[in-house]
Structures are given as structure tokens and as C-alpha cells.
């Protein structure tokens, strides 16, 4: 990329940043807070259940059901070939154990921490996809 292209991109970014904030964008904080804050909650045995708690419970149930469905054939036959969802879980588990847990925690603790990291990863992924 030539120097003139780089300068044009830099100039365009600076100009768009300066002129993009006009008066019509004031008050976004209240709008965002309205959508994020819980306006209603249900009290159940002195515990407030909000829409965020319900969404976390739904995500936990979806994660659990997907994990049970993906590992069904392994529970029946440990030597079976992965297919479908179990193949995706195996790829993700291999990536997490070899690329995340082993370099950061060490070879000694891979069998302990890889399932924990896999659980966190799939739960957060499910929460983001829902």
C-alpha cells in the first residue's frame, strides 16, 4: 500500500471521527441502561429472579442438553467415531486442551483443567449465541 493511500485512510478516519458525533446521539446512556437494567423481577424464596437470571438458566439448560446429546454415543461405546455435534465438541476440546490449557497451565494439569475450560467456553459461547 502506497504512502498516499495510507495518508488518505488516516485522513478519512480522522474526519469521520470528528464529524460523526452530532447532537442527535446525546442520551444514548439512558437508552442503553433502559435495555440492560432489569425493570421487573420475581421474588422466589427471598431470591430475586430477573430476566438476566432466566437467560442464564436457559443458557445453562441448552449447554447441558447439547453436551448430553453430543456425548450420547460415547456413553454407549467409548470407541465410536465422532459424528455431528460430538465431532464439533472433540475439535473444540482438542483446541482448548492443546492450545490454551497446556501452554498456560502445564502438561501436568491438562486432564484437570481442560474440562473446566471447555465448560466455561461452551457456556459463554451459548450465552453469546442466544
C-alpha atoms as a PDB file:
ATOM      1  CA  UNK A   1       0.000   0.000   0.000  1.00  0.00           C
ATOM      2  CA  UNK A   2       1.446   3.316  -1.017  1.00  0.00           C
ATOM      3  CA  UNK A   3       2.038   6.247   1.295  1.00  0.00           C
ATOM      4  CA  UNK A   4      -0.696   8.315  -0.341  1.00  0.00           C
ATOM      5  CA  UNK A   5      -3.258   5.531   0.292  1.00  0.00           C
ATOM      6  CA  UNK A   6      -2.221   5.297   3.926  1.00  0.00           C
ATOM      7  CA  UNK A   7      -2.494   9.070   4.360  1.00  0.00           C
ATOM      8  CA  UNK A   8      -5.919   9.076   2.699  1.00  0.00           C
ATOM      9  CA  UNK A   9      -7.165   6.344   5.051  1.00  0.00           C
ATOM     10  CA  UNK A  10      -5.753   8.185   8.063  1.00  0.00           C
ATOM     11  CA  UNK A  11      -7.332  11.474   6.933  1.00  0.00           C
ATOM     12  CA  UNK A  12     -10.684   9.751   6.294  1.00  0.00           C
ATOM     13  CA  UNK A  13     -10.647   8.109   9.763  1.00  0.00           C
ATOM     14  CA  UNK A  14      -9.858  11.401  11.491  1.00  0.00           C
ATOM     15  CA  UNK A  15     -12.535  13.337   9.587  1.00  0.00           C
ATOM     16  CA  UNK A  16     -15.179  10.647  10.152  1.00  0.00           C
ATOM     17  CA  UNK A  17     -14.349  10.560  13.863  1.00  0.00           C
ATOM     18  CA  UNK A  18     -14.599  14.333  14.208  1.00  0.00           C
ATOM     19  CA  UNK A  19     -17.855  14.762  12.319  1.00  0.00           C
ATOM     20  CA  UNK A  20     -19.686  11.606  13.347  1.00  0.00           C
ATOM     21  CA  UNK A  21     -20.699  12.822  16.799  1.00  0.00           C
ATOM     22  CA  UNK A  22     -23.533  15.259  16.266  1.00  0.00           C
ATOM     23  CA  UNK A  23     -26.241  16.393  18.672  1.00  0.00           C
ATOM     24  CA  UNK A  24     -28.599  13.571  17.758  1.00  0.00           C
ATOM     25  CA  UNK A  25     -26.524  10.996  19.634  1.00  0.00           C
ATOM     26  CA  UNK A  26     -26.990  12.522  23.087  1.00  0.00           C
ATOM     27  CA  UNK A  27     -28.904  10.490  25.600  1.00  0.00           C
ATOM     28  CA  UNK A  28     -27.644   7.067  24.496  1.00  0.00           C
ATOM     29  CA  UNK A  29     -26.740   6.254  28.089  1.00  0.00           C
ATOM     30  CA  UNK A  30     -30.358   6.252  29.220  1.00  0.00           C
ATOM     31  CA  UNK A  31     -31.446   4.193  26.222  1.00  0.00           C
ATOM     32  CA  UNK A  32     -28.777   1.570  26.784  1.00  0.00           C
ATOM     33  CA  UNK A  33     -29.443   1.493  30.525  1.00  0.00           C
ATOM     34  CA  UNK A  34     -33.152   1.005  29.855  1.00  0.00           C
ATOM     35  CA  UNK A  35     -32.434  -2.124  27.778  1.00  0.00           C
ATOM     36  CA  UNK A  36     -29.801  -3.556  30.106  1.00  0.00           C
ATOM     37  CA  UNK A  37     -31.278  -2.800  33.515  1.00  0.00           C
ATOM     38  CA  UNK A  38     -33.866  -5.124  34.970  1.00  0.00           C
ATOM     39  CA  UNK A  39     -37.148  -3.357  35.341  1.00  0.00           C
ATOM     40  CA  UNK A  40     -39.090  -6.330  36.686  1.00  0.00           C
ATOM     41  CA  UNK A  41     -38.116  -9.132  38.984  1.00  0.00           C
ATOM     42  CA  UNK A  42     -39.884 -12.014  40.658  1.00  0.00           C
ATOM     43  CA  UNK A  43     -39.101 -12.834  44.266  1.00  0.00           C
ATOM     44  CA  UNK A  44     -38.901 -16.567  44.880  1.00  0.00           C
ATOM     45  CA  UNK A  45     -37.941 -17.671  48.419  1.00  0.00           C
ATOM     46  CA  UNK A  46     -36.333 -14.283  49.063  1.00  0.00           C
ATOM     47  CA  UNK A  47     -34.263 -14.532  45.848  1.00  0.00           C
ATOM     48  CA  UNK A  48     -34.882 -12.002  43.097  1.00  0.00           C
ATOM     49  CA  UNK A  49     -35.149 -13.674  39.705  1.00  0.00           C
ATOM     50  CA  UNK A  50     -34.582 -11.195  36.894  1.00  0.00           C
ATOM     51  CA  UNK A  51     -34.591 -11.557  33.131  1.00  0.00           C
ATOM     52  CA  UNK A  52     -30.800 -11.952  33.196  1.00  0.00           C
ATOM     53  CA  UNK A  53     -31.020 -14.836  35.654  1.00  0.00           C
ATOM     54  CA  UNK A  54     -33.681 -16.506  33.499  1.00  0.00           C
ATOM     55  CA  UNK A  55     -31.460 -16.095  30.415  1.00  0.00           C
ATOM     56  CA  UNK A  56     -28.516 -17.652  32.280  1.00  0.00           C
ATOM     57  CA  UNK A  57     -30.703 -20.595  33.314  1.00  0.00           C
ATOM     58  CA  UNK A  58     -31.883 -21.060  29.725  1.00  0.00           C
ATOM     59  CA  UNK A  59     -28.266 -20.952  28.514  1.00  0.00           C
ATOM     60  CA  UNK A  60     -27.237 -23.482  31.157  1.00  0.00           C
ATOM     61  CA  UNK A  61     -30.055 -25.832  30.114  1.00  0.00           C
ATOM     62  CA  UNK A  62     -29.183 -25.502  26.415  1.00  0.00           C
ATOM     63  CA  UNK A  63     -25.493 -26.124  27.176  1.00  0.00           C
ATOM     64  CA  UNK A  64     -26.338 -29.185  29.271  1.00  0.00           C
ATOM     65  CA  UNK A  65     -28.702 -30.627  26.663  1.00  0.00           C
ATOM     66  CA  UNK A  66     -26.194 -30.088  23.850  1.00  0.00           C
ATOM     67  CA  UNK A  67     -23.425 -31.709  25.892  1.00  0.00           C
ATOM     68  CA  UNK A  68     -25.625 -34.705  26.723  1.00  0.00           C
ATOM     69  CA  UNK A  69     -26.700 -35.061  23.101  1.00  0.00           C
ATOM     70  CA  UNK A  70     -23.138 -34.665  21.809  1.00  0.00           C
ATOM     71  CA  UNK A  71     -21.708 -37.278  24.166  1.00  0.00           C
ATOM     72  CA  UNK A  72     -24.543 -39.810  23.865  1.00  0.00           C
ATOM     73  CA  UNK A  73     -22.676 -42.166  21.542  1.00  0.00           C
ATOM     74  CA  UNK A  74     -19.536 -42.010  23.716  1.00  0.00           C
ATOM     75  CA  UNK A  75     -21.536 -43.045  26.746  1.00  0.00           C
ATOM     76  CA  UNK A  76     -22.793 -46.086  24.825  1.00  0.00           C
ATOM     77  CA  UNK A  77     -19.495 -47.013  23.121  1.00  0.00           C
ATOM     78  CA  UNK A  78     -16.221 -45.333  24.098  1.00  0.00           C
ATOM     79  CA  UNK A  79     -14.538 -46.392  20.822  1.00  0.00           C
ATOM     80  CA  UNK A  80     -17.174 -44.926  18.474  1.00  0.00           C
ATOM     81  CA  UNK A  81     -16.272 -42.432  15.753  1.00  0.00           C
ATOM     82  CA  UNK A  82     -17.406 -38.854  16.366  1.00  0.00           C
ATOM     83  CA  UNK A  83     -20.252 -37.611  14.196  1.00  0.00           C
ATOM     84  CA  UNK A  84     -22.155 -34.332  14.111  1.00  0.00           C
ATOM     85  CA  UNK A  85     -22.176 -32.441  17.377  1.00  0.00           C
ATOM     86  CA  UNK A  86     -19.746 -34.842  19.053  1.00  0.00           C
ATOM     87  CA  UNK A  87     -17.228 -34.156  16.269  1.00  0.00           C
ATOM     88  CA  UNK A  88     -17.517 -30.403  16.925  1.00  0.00           C
ATOM     89  CA  UNK A  89     -17.052 -30.980  20.669  1.00  0.00           C
ATOM     90  CA  UNK A  90     -13.985 -33.097  20.004  1.00  0.00           C
ATOM     91  CA  UNK A  91     -12.417 -30.402  17.809  1.00  0.00           C
ATOM     92  CA  UNK A  92     -13.115 -27.700  20.403  1.00  0.00           C
ATOM     93  CA  UNK A  93     -11.814 -29.901  23.241  1.00  0.00           C
ATOM     94  CA  UNK A  94      -8.613 -30.642  21.324  1.00  0.00           C
ATOM     95  CA  UNK A  95      -8.083 -26.938  20.642  1.00  0.00           C
ATOM     96  CA  UNK A  96      -8.722 -25.922  24.247  1.00  0.00           C
ATOM     97  CA  UNK A  97      -6.514 -28.606  25.764  1.00  0.00           C
ATOM     98  CA  UNK A  98      -3.589 -28.247  23.327  1.00  0.00           C
ATOM     99  CA  UNK A  99      -3.634 -24.520  22.575  1.00  0.00           C
ATOM    100  CA  UNK A 100      -4.998 -22.931  25.753  1.00  0.00           C
ATOM    101  CA  UNK A 101      -4.608 -25.168  28.805  1.00  0.00           C
ATOM    102  CA  UNK A 102      -1.319 -26.915  28.029  1.00  0.00           C
ATOM    103  CA  UNK A 103       0.726 -23.746  27.244  1.00  0.00           C
ATOM    104  CA  UNK A 104      -0.741 -21.729  30.128  1.00  0.00           C
ATOM    105  CA  UNK A 105      -1.174 -24.230  32.955  1.00  0.00           C
ATOM    106  CA  UNK A 106       1.198 -27.024  32.002  1.00  0.00           C
ATOM    107  CA  UNK A 107       1.186 -30.618  30.835  1.00  0.00           C
ATOM    108  CA  UNK A 108       0.650 -31.952  34.351  1.00  0.00           C
ATOM    109  CA  UNK A 109      -2.771 -30.325  34.848  1.00  0.00           C
ATOM    110  CA  UNK A 110      -4.318 -30.694  31.372  1.00  0.00           C
ATOM    111  CA  UNK A 111      -6.625 -33.524  32.408  1.00  0.00           C
ATOM    112  CA  UNK A 112      -7.866 -31.455  35.360  1.00  0.00           C
ATOM    113  CA  UNK A 113      -8.345 -28.028  33.790  1.00  0.00           C
ATOM    114  CA  UNK A 114      -9.295 -28.803  30.182  1.00  0.00           C
ATOM    115  CA  UNK A 115     -12.859 -29.933  31.067  1.00  0.00           C
ATOM    116  CA  UNK A 116     -13.333 -26.819  33.214  1.00  0.00           C
ATOM    117  CA  UNK A 117     -12.133 -24.565  30.403  1.00  0.00           C
ATOM    118  CA  UNK A 118     -14.320 -26.457  27.922  1.00  0.00           C
ATOM    119  CA  UNK A 119     -17.363 -25.972  30.156  1.00  0.00           C
ATOM    120  CA  UNK A 120     -16.707 -22.243  30.505  1.00  0.00           C
ATOM    121  CA  UNK A 121     -16.101 -21.905  26.763  1.00  0.00           C
ATOM    122  CA  UNK A 122     -19.277 -23.690  25.713  1.00  0.00           C
ATOM    123  CA  UNK A 123     -21.398 -21.862  28.309  1.00  0.00           C
ATOM    124  CA  UNK A 124     -20.118 -18.434  27.268  1.00  0.00           C
ATOM    125  CA  UNK A 125     -20.496 -19.354  23.594  1.00  0.00           C
ATOM    126  CA  UNK A 126     -24.086 -20.454  24.202  1.00  0.00           C
ATOM    127  CA  UNK A 127     -24.862 -17.250  26.111  1.00  0.00           C
ATOM    128  CA  UNK A 128     -23.489 -15.159  23.268  1.00  0.00           C
ATOM    129  CA  UNK A 129     -25.295 -17.111  20.556  1.00  0.00           C
ATOM    130  CA  UNK A 130     -28.654 -16.955  22.329  1.00  0.00           C
END
